[in-house]
């Protein structure tokens, strides 16, 4: 047996940050990772798809063709090859960064399949074979991440039927594509491949895209997609895929049949909890197989913690990393903040981007809050006009009498960056008057916050 203060199962973003946090405070730490390198879905999926997005926009000039009446003339094959090269470079760079971070903190990385053993022990079957190893620890943190959900009956063994991980590895251009799923990943891949020149149909089983986002913002995103040539089919029910003599056939609940070159099923993710020995160790899970934790991220077994996608929503890398850090702080009584951010931002890296923090307008209504909203369209923003990024808006949701900001919602270029200003104001309990009294650089897209606040004040008669 090898003894450590902390053993972390999983070397993704949550596992890496938990390990580094404990090691920084002098704890001996080991990370058990079954993949050849750490990084998890953050590097292999999120970083990969976001890099694809930026490369696709740069190589094709997708968002600026009309602004400058010129575009880069690359064949689809050349554009895809360069996109793949750039994506591979960034993935490699971020993987090396994760490896370096663990090494810098003196964390041992043990490659193999890990499972919970008696007490607070972890049994590791080495990746290269050979005898198992047993690690003991004062604390164990489970952060094994997630994988794409495979709906039953979908033939993912077909080369033309992809999940989101396989889609991120495509290395040739597509003529036509159907994306099933109107969540974040579906919207991202649909808009990326549209920019690369594919004929794209986005199929959503629900009545609107991004159901957790503000309804008005989601509707504007769908309208923007349609305006640039994407077909968006909403309230489509369950889609199926079958192999035909000529290729793949996607059938919608309406009876319509589509025959794209490829189909991507982006229908959510599921936690990697199989093979961890949770039942044998007494770690409780819910009816969906997610590990049950308390506010300290403790499981039902003393000394065993869990964080990230394995405990369920929101399953965001940013949130997962903070959960894991907090778990390490509770495990070793570290003198740092031990509560999770109550107002995390959400970002969707589609074209254009979408981001939110706080309450949507629908949530304010459901909670019975007497609220109002303020809006500022980017088509009236000087910086947006200069850059040609005039799609979208900033929308503020606030309490009518006190003017306290409740939610900030952004659709447009750099939405995932702009949303943090709204997050900061919500955190300190500020009002929309903050945006009016503050001086912003001009021209900037951030300035839209000021005019959204003015619009909000006009709505309540101030």
Protein backbone atom coordinates (compact mmCIF):
# COMPACT_ATOMS: atom_id res chain seq x y z
CA UNK A 1 0.00 0.00 0.00
CA UNK A 2 0.98 3.59 -0.67
CA UNK A 3 -0.34 6.21 1.75
CA UNK A 4 -1.37 9.74 0.78
CA UNK A 5 -3.26 12.52 2.46
CA UNK A 6 -5.54 12.79 -0.58
CA UNK A 7 -6.34 10.54 -3.52
CA UNK A 8 -8.34 12.07 -6.36
CA UNK A 9 -10.18 9.89 -8.84
CA UNK A 10 -10.10 11.71 -12.17
CA UNK A 11 -7.63 14.11 -13.75
CA UNK A 12 -10.06 16.49 -15.42
CA UNK A 13 -10.49 20.14 -14.43
CA UNK A 14 -12.14 19.30 -11.09
CA UNK A 15 -9.61 16.62 -10.16
CA UNK A 16 -6.66 18.78 -11.14
CA UNK A 17 -7.82 21.75 -9.07
CA UNK A 18 -8.65 19.64 -6.01
CA UNK A 19 -5.22 18.03 -6.16
CA UNK A 20 -3.38 21.32 -6.62
CA UNK A 21 -5.37 22.96 -3.80
CA UNK A 22 -4.45 20.27 -1.28
CA UNK A 23 -0.84 20.00 -2.46
CA UNK A 24 -0.39 23.78 -2.17
CA UNK A 25 -1.07 23.41 1.54
CA UNK A 26 1.53 20.68 1.93
CA UNK A 27 -0.63 17.58 1.57
CA UNK A 28 0.64 14.49 -0.23
CA UNK A 29 -1.64 13.90 -3.20
CA UNK A 30 -2.14 11.32 -5.93
CA UNK A 31 -4.42 11.62 -8.96
CA UNK A 32 -5.69 8.42 -10.58
CA UNK A 33 -6.44 8.98 -14.27
CA UNK A 34 -7.42 6.31 -16.78
CA UNK A 35 -6.60 8.42 -19.85
CA UNK A 36 -3.00 8.75 -21.08
CA UNK A 37 -2.98 12.42 -20.04
CA UNK A 38 -5.00 14.55 -17.61
CA UNK A 39 -7.41 17.21 -18.82
CA UNK A 40 -10.66 15.27 -19.11
CA UNK A 41 -13.68 16.54 -21.01
CA UNK A 42 -12.54 20.13 -20.48
CA UNK A 43 -9.54 19.66 -22.78
CA UNK A 44 -10.84 16.94 -25.06
CA UNK A 45 -14.31 18.44 -25.51
CA UNK A 46 -14.76 22.03 -24.34
CA UNK A 47 -11.36 23.40 -25.31
CA UNK A 48 -11.46 21.48 -28.57
CA UNK A 49 -14.89 22.76 -29.64
CA UNK A 50 -14.18 26.34 -28.56
CA UNK A 51 -10.94 26.33 -30.53
CA UNK A 52 -12.82 24.93 -33.54
CA UNK A 53 -15.20 27.87 -33.20
CA UNK A 54 -12.51 30.53 -33.19
CA UNK A 55 -10.57 28.87 -36.00
CA UNK A 56 -13.69 28.48 -38.14
CA UNK A 57 -14.61 32.16 -37.75
CA UNK A 58 -11.08 33.33 -38.54
CA UNK A 59 -10.52 31.01 -41.49
CA UNK A 60 -13.85 31.74 -43.14
CA UNK A 61 -14.57 35.31 -42.10
CA UNK A 62 -18.08 34.05 -41.37
CA UNK A 63 -19.22 36.96 -39.18
CA UNK A 64 -17.52 39.73 -41.17
CA UNK A 65 -18.13 38.83 -44.82
CA UNK A 66 -20.94 41.34 -45.18
CA UNK A 67 -19.10 44.02 -43.19
CA UNK A 68 -16.05 44.12 -45.45
CA UNK A 69 -17.52 42.46 -48.56
CA UNK A 70 -14.57 40.09 -48.67
CA UNK A 71 -13.77 36.65 -47.28
CA UNK A 72 -10.79 34.34 -47.09
CA UNK A 73 -10.87 32.10 -50.14
CA UNK A 74 -9.89 28.70 -48.77
CA UNK A 75 -11.24 25.42 -50.02
CA UNK A 76 -13.28 23.54 -47.40
CA UNK A 77 -10.52 20.91 -47.29
CA UNK A 78 -7.79 23.45 -46.55
CA UNK A 79 -9.91 25.32 -44.01
CA UNK A 80 -10.74 22.09 -42.17
CA UNK A 81 -7.11 20.94 -42.19
CA UNK A 82 -5.93 24.21 -40.68
CA UNK A 83 -8.77 24.22 -38.19
CA UNK A 84 -7.80 20.70 -37.13
CA UNK A 85 -4.15 21.69 -36.83
CA UNK A 86 -4.97 24.70 -34.67
CA UNK A 87 -7.35 22.70 -32.48
CA UNK A 88 -4.79 19.95 -31.94
CA UNK A 89 -2.18 22.55 -31.01
CA UNK A 90 -4.38 24.19 -28.37
CA UNK A 91 -5.50 20.85 -26.94
CA UNK A 92 -1.87 19.75 -26.69
CA UNK A 93 -0.90 23.05 -25.05
CA UNK A 94 -3.68 22.84 -22.44
CA UNK A 95 -2.90 19.18 -21.73
CA UNK A 96 0.74 20.09 -21.14
CA UNK A 97 -0.42 22.91 -18.86
CA UNK A 98 -2.44 20.47 -16.74
CA UNK A 99 0.51 18.07 -16.55
CA UNK A 100 2.85 20.90 -15.57
CA UNK A 101 0.48 22.20 -12.90
CA UNK A 102 0.26 18.82 -11.20
CA UNK A 103 4.02 18.33 -11.43
CA UNK A 104 4.69 21.82 -10.04
CA UNK A 105 2.60 20.96 -6.98
CA UNK A 106 4.31 17.59 -6.50
CA UNK A 107 1.19 15.56 -7.27
CA UNK A 108 1.71 11.93 -8.27
CA UNK A 109 -0.27 10.99 -11.39
CA UNK A 110 -1.08 7.27 -11.53
CA UNK A 111 -2.53 5.98 -14.78
CA UNK A 112 -5.11 3.25 -14.56
CA UNK A 113 -8.67 2.38 -13.62
CA UNK A 114 -9.41 3.35 -10.03
CA UNK A 115 -12.17 2.09 -7.76
CA UNK A 116 -13.01 2.49 -4.10
CA UNK A 117 -11.68 -0.16 -1.78
CA UNK A 118 -12.22 -0.88 1.92
CA UNK A 119 -12.03 2.13 4.20
CA UNK A 120 -10.56 5.12 2.42
CA UNK A 121 -8.53 3.16 -0.07
CA UNK A 122 -8.41 3.23 -3.86
CA UNK A 123 -7.55 0.15 -5.90
CA UNK A 124 -5.83 0.94 -9.20
CA UNK A 125 -5.57 -1.40 -12.15
CA UNK A 126 -2.57 0.03 -14.08
CA UNK A 127 -3.27 1.10 -17.65
CA UNK A 128 -0.31 -0.90 -18.91
CA UNK A 129 -1.46 -4.03 -17.11
CA UNK A 130 0.27 -5.83 -14.28
CA UNK A 131 -0.64 -6.15 -10.61
CA UNK A 132 -3.09 -3.78 -8.97
CA UNK A 133 -1.97 -1.05 -6.62
CA UNK A 134 -3.74 0.00 -3.44
CA UNK A 135 -3.59 3.60 -2.29
CA UNK A 136 -4.77 4.71 1.15
CA UNK A 137 -5.72 8.26 2.03
CA UNK A 138 -7.13 10.47 4.73
CA UNK A 139 -9.59 11.71 2.12
CA UNK A 140 -10.77 10.68 -1.34
CA UNK A 141 -12.36 13.02 -3.87
CA UNK A 142 -14.31 11.51 -6.76
CA UNK A 143 -14.10 13.77 -9.83
CA UNK A 144 -14.33 11.36 -12.74
CA UNK A 145 -16.27 13.73 -15.01
CA UNK A 146 -18.78 12.78 -17.66
CA UNK A 147 -19.27 11.52 -21.20
CA UNK A 148 -21.89 12.17 -23.90
CA UNK A 149 -25.26 10.59 -23.22
CA UNK A 150 -26.23 7.98 -25.80
CA UNK A 151 -30.02 7.81 -26.21
CA UNK A 152 -31.24 4.22 -26.53
CA UNK A 153 -31.76 3.01 -30.06
CA UNK A 154 -29.30 5.42 -31.67
CA UNK A 155 -26.62 3.52 -33.68
CA UNK A 156 -23.47 5.27 -32.49
CA UNK A 157 -21.40 2.47 -34.02
CA UNK A 158 -22.32 3.93 -37.42
CA UNK A 159 -19.57 6.18 -38.81
CA UNK A 160 -22.15 8.81 -39.77
CA UNK A 161 -23.76 8.99 -36.31
CA UNK A 162 -21.68 11.01 -33.86
CA UNK A 163 -21.80 12.15 -30.28
CA UNK A 164 -20.24 15.46 -29.22
CA UNK A 165 -16.82 13.93 -28.50
CA UNK A 166 -16.65 12.37 -31.97
CA UNK A 167 -17.86 15.61 -33.57
CA UNK A 168 -14.98 17.51 -32.00
CA UNK A 169 -12.57 15.17 -33.79
CA UNK A 170 -13.96 15.56 -37.32
CA UNK A 171 -11.12 16.13 -39.75
CA UNK A 172 -12.87 16.70 -43.07
CA UNK A 173 -15.48 19.17 -44.35
CA UNK A 174 -19.16 18.27 -44.42
CA UNK A 175 -21.70 19.04 -47.09
CA UNK A 176 -24.72 18.60 -44.82
CA UNK A 177 -25.30 17.99 -41.15
CA UNK A 178 -28.19 17.42 -38.75
CA UNK A 179 -27.59 18.31 -35.10
CA UNK A 180 -30.07 16.78 -32.65
CA UNK A 181 -30.31 18.73 -29.40
CA UNK A 182 -30.96 22.41 -28.74
CA UNK A 183 -28.78 22.72 -25.66
CA UNK A 184 -25.40 24.41 -25.39
CA UNK A 185 -23.40 21.74 -27.21
CA UNK A 186 -25.95 21.39 -30.01
CA UNK A 187 -26.08 25.13 -30.64
CA UNK A 188 -22.30 25.34 -30.60
CA UNK A 189 -21.68 22.55 -33.12
CA UNK A 190 -24.54 23.62 -35.38
CA UNK A 191 -23.19 27.15 -35.71
CA UNK A 192 -19.54 26.04 -36.03
CA UNK A 193 -20.27 23.72 -38.96
CA UNK A 194 -22.54 26.30 -40.55
CA UNK A 195 -19.58 28.69 -40.51
CA UNK A 196 -17.49 25.98 -42.18
CA UNK A 197 -19.94 25.85 -45.07
CA UNK A 198 -22.17 22.90 -44.23
CA UNK A 199 -25.91 22.92 -44.76
CA UNK A 200 -27.10 22.56 -41.16
CA UNK A 201 -30.42 21.57 -39.64
CA UNK A 202 -30.71 21.95 -35.86
CA UNK A 203 -33.43 19.73 -34.39
CA UNK A 204 -34.70 20.45 -30.88
CA UNK A 205 -37.26 18.32 -29.08
CA UNK A 206 -38.36 21.29 -26.95
CA UNK A 207 -40.30 24.39 -27.80
CA UNK A 208 -37.21 26.62 -27.65
CA UNK A 209 -33.46 26.39 -27.64
CA UNK A 210 -31.46 26.59 -24.40
CA UNK A 211 -34.42 26.06 -22.04
CA UNK A 212 -32.48 27.23 -18.98
CA UNK A 213 -31.68 30.58 -20.58
CA UNK A 214 -33.92 33.66 -20.68
CA UNK A 215 -36.73 32.97 -23.15
CA UNK A 216 -36.36 36.21 -25.08
CA UNK A 217 -32.63 35.64 -25.52
CA UNK A 218 -33.19 32.05 -26.67
CA UNK A 219 -35.76 33.16 -29.25
CA UNK A 220 -33.40 35.82 -30.58
CA UNK A 221 -30.65 33.20 -30.91
CA UNK A 222 -32.94 30.97 -32.98
CA UNK A 223 -33.87 33.96 -35.16
CA UNK A 224 -30.19 34.78 -35.64
CA UNK A 225 -29.43 31.20 -36.65
CA UNK A 226 -32.20 31.29 -39.23
CA UNK A 227 -31.04 34.65 -40.57
CA UNK A 228 -27.63 33.21 -41.46
CA UNK A 229 -29.03 30.16 -43.22
CA UNK A 230 -29.48 27.50 -40.56
CA UNK A 231 -32.71 25.54 -40.48
CA UNK A 232 -34.01 25.33 -36.90
CA UNK A 233 -36.73 22.76 -36.19
CA UNK A 234 -38.26 23.19 -32.74
CA UNK A 235 -40.78 21.12 -30.79
CA UNK A 236 -39.66 18.23 -32.98
CA UNK A 237 -40.11 15.38 -30.53
CA UNK A 238 -37.71 12.44 -30.52
CA UNK A 239 -35.46 12.01 -33.55
CA UNK A 240 -34.12 8.63 -34.69
CA UNK A 241 -31.28 7.65 -37.00
CA UNK A 242 -30.93 4.58 -39.21
CA UNK A 243 -28.49 3.39 -41.86
CA UNK A 244 -29.78 3.18 -45.42
CA UNK A 245 -28.14 2.03 -48.63
CA UNK A 246 -27.30 5.64 -49.48
CA UNK A 247 -26.21 6.83 -46.04
CA UNK A 248 -27.79 7.89 -42.77
CA UNK A 249 -31.48 8.72 -42.42
CA UNK A 250 -32.82 10.94 -39.62
CA UNK A 251 -36.54 10.70 -38.96
CA UNK A 252 -38.44 13.30 -36.94
CA UNK A 253 -41.59 12.69 -34.92
CA UNK A 254 -43.53 14.63 -37.56
CA UNK A 255 -42.64 11.96 -40.11
CA UNK A 256 -40.16 14.16 -41.97
CA UNK A 257 -37.03 12.34 -43.07
CA UNK A 258 -33.62 14.00 -43.52
CA UNK A 259 -30.60 12.44 -45.20
CA UNK A 260 -27.51 14.40 -44.13
CA UNK A 261 -23.90 13.39 -44.57
CA UNK A 262 -23.55 13.17 -40.77
CA UNK A 263 -25.76 13.52 -37.71
CA UNK A 264 -24.59 14.70 -34.29
CA UNK A 265 -26.62 13.72 -31.24
CA UNK A 266 -25.91 16.37 -28.59
CA UNK A 267 -28.42 15.25 -26.00
CA UNK A 268 -26.62 15.89 -22.73
CA UNK A 269 -23.97 14.14 -20.70
CA UNK A 270 -23.90 11.47 -18.02
CA UNK A 271 -21.48 11.12 -15.11
CA UNK A 272 -18.70 8.54 -15.20
CA UNK A 273 -19.63 6.52 -12.11
CA UNK A 274 -19.52 2.96 -13.45
CA UNK A 275 -16.76 0.74 -12.14
CA UNK A 276 -15.98 2.98 -9.16
CA UNK A 277 -17.34 0.49 -6.62
CA UNK A 278 -19.78 3.02 -5.20
CA UNK A 279 -22.32 0.45 -4.00
CA UNK A 280 -19.69 -1.73 -2.39
CA UNK A 281 -18.21 1.28 -0.60
CA UNK A 282 -21.64 2.49 0.54
CA UNK A 283 -21.58 5.74 -1.45
CA UNK A 284 -25.19 6.78 -2.09
CA UNK A 285 -26.41 7.71 -5.57
CA UNK A 286 -29.74 9.08 -6.78
CA UNK A 287 -32.16 7.51 -9.27
CA UNK A 288 -30.06 8.87 -12.16
CA UNK A 289 -26.82 7.42 -10.86
CA UNK A 290 -25.44 10.75 -9.63
CA UNK A 291 -23.43 10.79 -6.42
CA UNK A 292 -25.33 12.40 -3.56
CA UNK A 293 -23.38 15.05 -1.61
CA UNK A 294 -24.11 17.67 1.04
CA UNK A 295 -23.14 21.34 1.08
CA UNK A 296 -19.57 20.35 1.93
CA UNK A 297 -19.46 17.92 -1.03
CA UNK A 298 -19.27 15.00 1.40
CA UNK A 299 -20.78 11.72 0.26
CA UNK A 300 -22.60 9.31 2.55
CA UNK A 301 -19.24 7.78 3.50
CA UNK A 302 -16.95 9.64 5.89
CA UNK A 303 -13.81 10.92 4.22
CA UNK A 304 -15.10 10.46 0.67
CA UNK A 305 -16.09 13.56 -1.30
CA UNK A 306 -17.38 14.12 -4.85
CA UNK A 307 -17.45 17.11 -7.17
CA UNK A 308 -18.16 18.04 -10.76
CA UNK A 309 -20.27 16.26 -13.34
CA UNK A 310 -20.64 13.10 -11.21
CA UNK A 311 -22.93 14.98 -8.79
CA UNK A 312 -25.15 16.40 -11.55
CA UNK A 313 -26.09 19.89 -12.79
CA UNK A 314 -24.93 22.42 -13.63
CA UNK A 315 -22.01 20.28 -14.90
CA UNK A 316 -19.96 23.29 -15.95
CA UNK A 317 -16.16 23.11 -15.86
CA UNK A 318 -16.01 26.45 -14.05
CA UNK A 319 -18.40 25.27 -11.33
CA UNK A 320 -16.83 21.82 -11.13
CA UNK A 321 -13.40 23.27 -10.44
CA UNK A 322 -14.72 25.41 -7.59
CA UNK A 323 -16.68 22.48 -6.14
CA UNK A 324 -13.52 20.38 -6.07
CA UNK A 325 -11.46 23.12 -4.46
CA UNK A 326 -14.13 23.54 -1.78
CA UNK A 327 -14.21 19.76 -1.18
CA UNK A 328 -10.44 19.81 -0.57
CA UNK A 329 -10.81 22.76 1.80
CA UNK A 330 -13.42 20.93 3.88
CA UNK A 331 -11.43 17.70 3.82
CA UNK A 332 -8.35 19.35 5.34
CA UNK A 333 -9.83 22.35 7.14
CA UNK A 334 -8.00 24.77 4.87
CA UNK A 335 -8.34 28.49 5.71
CA UNK A 336 -10.14 29.55 2.55
CA UNK A 337 -13.70 30.25 1.36
CA UNK A 338 -15.74 27.06 1.72
CA UNK A 339 -19.03 27.88 0.06
CA UNK A 340 -19.80 27.59 -3.63
CA UNK A 341 -20.58 30.66 -5.69
CA UNK A 342 -24.34 31.13 -5.46
CA UNK A 343 -24.46 33.09 -8.72
CA UNK A 344 -22.29 31.30 -11.30
CA UNK A 345 -22.39 32.48 -14.92
CA UNK A 346 -23.51 30.26 -17.79
CA UNK A 347 -21.94 30.56 -21.23
CA UNK A 348 -22.76 29.06 -24.62
CA UNK A 349 -20.01 29.37 -27.24
CA UNK A 350 -22.28 29.38 -30.25
CA UNK A 351 -22.10 31.92 -33.07
CA UNK A 352 -23.14 34.35 -31.65
CA UNK A 353 -22.39 33.61 -28.00
CA UNK A 354 -24.99 33.53 -25.24
CA UNK A 355 -24.39 34.10 -21.53
CA UNK A 356 -26.40 34.67 -18.40
CA UNK A 357 -26.05 35.15 -14.67
CA UNK A 358 -28.74 35.36 -12.01
CA UNK A 359 -32.48 35.19 -12.63
CA UNK A 360 -34.16 34.98 -16.00
CA UNK A 361 -37.32 36.97 -16.53
CA UNK A 362 -39.30 33.71 -16.34
CA UNK A 363 -37.70 32.88 -12.98
CA UNK A 364 -38.55 36.33 -11.60
CA UNK A 365 -42.18 35.81 -12.64
CA UNK A 366 -42.28 32.32 -11.13
CA UNK A 367 -40.93 33.66 -7.82
CA UNK A 368 -43.52 36.42 -7.76
CA UNK A 369 -40.94 39.20 -7.85
CA UNK A 370 -42.20 42.61 -8.91
CA UNK A 371 -39.57 43.15 -11.57
CA UNK A 372 -38.78 45.13 -14.69
CA UNK A 373 -36.32 44.76 -17.54
CA UNK A 374 -33.99 47.00 -19.49
CA UNK A 375 -32.60 46.27 -22.94
CA UNK A 376 -29.85 47.61 -25.15
CA UNK A 377 -29.44 46.28 -28.71
CA UNK A 378 -25.92 45.98 -30.07
CA UNK A 379 -27.06 47.43 -33.38
CA UNK A 380 -27.12 50.79 -31.55
CA UNK A 381 -23.68 50.25 -29.98
CA UNK A 382 -20.74 52.09 -31.56
CA UNK A 383 -18.13 49.38 -30.93
CA UNK A 384 -20.45 46.71 -32.31
CA UNK A 385 -21.06 48.82 -35.42
CA UNK A 386 -17.31 49.28 -35.91
CA UNK A 387 -16.61 45.56 -35.66
CA UNK A 388 -19.74 44.46 -37.51
CA UNK A 389 -20.94 42.44 -34.52
CA UNK A 390 -24.38 44.01 -34.34
CA UNK A 391 -26.36 40.86 -33.53
CA UNK A 392 -27.79 40.58 -30.05
CA UNK A 393 -28.38 42.59 -26.92
CA UNK A 394 -27.83 43.10 -23.21
CA UNK A 395 -30.91 42.46 -21.08
CA UNK A 396 -31.12 43.34 -17.39
CA UNK A 397 -33.71 41.93 -15.00
CA UNK A 398 -34.13 43.98 -11.81
CA UNK A 399 -36.41 44.51 -8.83
CA UNK A 400 -38.84 47.29 -9.70
CA UNK A 401 -38.81 49.33 -6.48
CA UNK A 402 -35.25 48.92 -5.24
CA UNK A 403 -33.70 48.67 -8.75
CA UNK A 404 -31.52 45.80 -7.44
CA UNK A 405 -30.06 43.78 -10.29
CA UNK A 406 -31.39 40.22 -10.37
CA UNK A 407 -30.10 38.90 -13.69
CA UNK A 408 -27.96 39.85 -16.67
CA UNK A 409 -28.34 38.24 -20.09
CA UNK A 410 -26.16 38.79 -23.14
CA UNK A 411 -26.48 37.63 -26.73
CA UNK A 412 -23.68 38.59 -29.09
CA UNK A 413 -19.95 38.81 -29.62
CA UNK A 414 -17.97 38.19 -26.40
CA UNK A 415 -21.15 37.54 -24.40
CA UNK A 416 -19.28 35.07 -22.20
CA UNK A 417 -16.85 37.86 -21.25
CA UNK A 418 -19.40 40.66 -20.90
CA UNK A 419 -21.62 38.73 -18.51
CA UNK A 420 -19.09 39.00 -15.68
CA UNK A 421 -19.84 42.69 -15.13
CA UNK A 422 -23.43 41.78 -14.35
CA UNK A 423 -22.23 38.97 -12.10
CA UNK A 424 -20.06 41.36 -10.07
CA UNK A 425 -22.95 43.81 -9.53
CA UNK A 426 -25.27 40.99 -8.44
CA UNK A 427 -22.63 39.73 -6.00
CA UNK A 428 -22.34 43.04 -4.17
CA UNK A 429 -26.12 43.56 -4.19
CA UNK A 430 -25.89 46.51 -6.53
CA UNK A 431 -28.60 48.26 -8.49
CA UNK A 432 -28.81 49.15 -12.17
CA UNK A 433 -27.86 52.70 -11.12
CA UNK A 434 -24.29 51.38 -10.88
CA UNK A 435 -24.14 51.14 -14.67
CA UNK A 436 -25.48 54.68 -15.07
CA UNK A 437 -23.08 56.26 -12.58
CA UNK A 438 -20.01 54.37 -13.84
CA UNK A 439 -17.79 55.58 -16.68
CA UNK A 440 -16.98 52.98 -19.32
CA UNK A 441 -14.43 53.22 -22.09
CA UNK A 442 -15.99 54.46 -25.32
CA UNK A 443 -16.43 52.78 -27.70
CA UNK A 444 -16.92 49.43 -25.99
CA UNK A 445 -19.61 46.79 -26.05
CA UNK A 446 -19.66 46.98 -22.24
CA UNK A 447 -21.27 50.39 -22.66
CA UNK A 448 -24.47 48.54 -23.58
CA UNK A 449 -24.97 47.90 -19.85
CA UNK A 450 -25.41 51.66 -19.32
CA UNK A 451 -28.08 52.00 -21.98
CA UNK A 452 -29.87 48.86 -20.82
CA UNK A 453 -30.00 50.46 -17.37
CA UNK A 454 -31.36 53.73 -18.79
CA UNK A 455 -34.00 51.74 -20.67
CA UNK A 456 -34.88 49.94 -17.44
CA UNK A 457 -35.28 53.20 -15.56
CA UNK A 458 -37.61 54.48 -18.26
CA UNK A 459 -39.77 51.39 -17.84
CA UNK A 460 -40.35 52.05 -14.13
CA UNK A 461 -40.79 55.79 -14.43
CA UNK A 462 -37.57 56.94 -12.70
